[in-house]
Amino acid sequence: MNVRLKLLAAARSSSLLETRFDDDRPLDAAGWHEAERAAPVLCRLAAAELRYRSPSARCRETGDALGLTPLAQPALRDCDMGRWRGRTLGEVAAAEPRAVDAWLADPRSAPHGGEPLMAFITRVGGWLDTRPANEGAGLLAVADPGVVRAALVYALQAPPHTYWRIDVQPLSVTTLTRRSGAWSLQLEG
């Protein structure tokens, strides 16, 4: 049996614009406007048999704005950034330059006291691997950009440092398929 999962990146919030480590801010006015404007194109996603979302406010509100009513999944929460939560990379780098260097160089380190990148990727991958087989309409997950990046690294069995090279735009859709236990990335035209 096959699995087809569409990952919809949440609309933007001010934390995304300011590149802050997850602080669970809701959509800003521009994010709401973009989601409402994209609704006619993205409404096709409502056909998914099962609809999930990250538990963040921006994912809940993105799902609401698009009329998707996705179910919150704790395993899809963004990476726990510990004491760095709500701060920008620049702020943290100025205060803890060695800690930032260690964190960027070693996916198993967590100098912030939160979750190591490798554990985050593994957690999201575990959720992916437990999705039920589906034929037809498939599955949907409204997720924070970091969750989409982690899912791609896991599904493609890419090295963890690849996580930093994936740019996920608000309201973008990524499709993953699992056949015979292996995940593939499907690009749509």
Foldseek 3Di string as FASTA:
>chain_A
DKAKEKEWEFFDAVCVVLQAAAPLDAHDPVSLVVLLVCLVVCLLLLLAPAEEEAPGNRLCVSCVSNVNPHHHDPLQHAWWLAQRGPPHPVVCCVVPVVLVVCLLVDQCDRPNPTHRNVVNLVSLLVVVQPDDHDDPSHYYYHHHPLSVLSPVCNQVVHPSNCSVVDDDHHRDMWMWMADPRHIDTDDDD
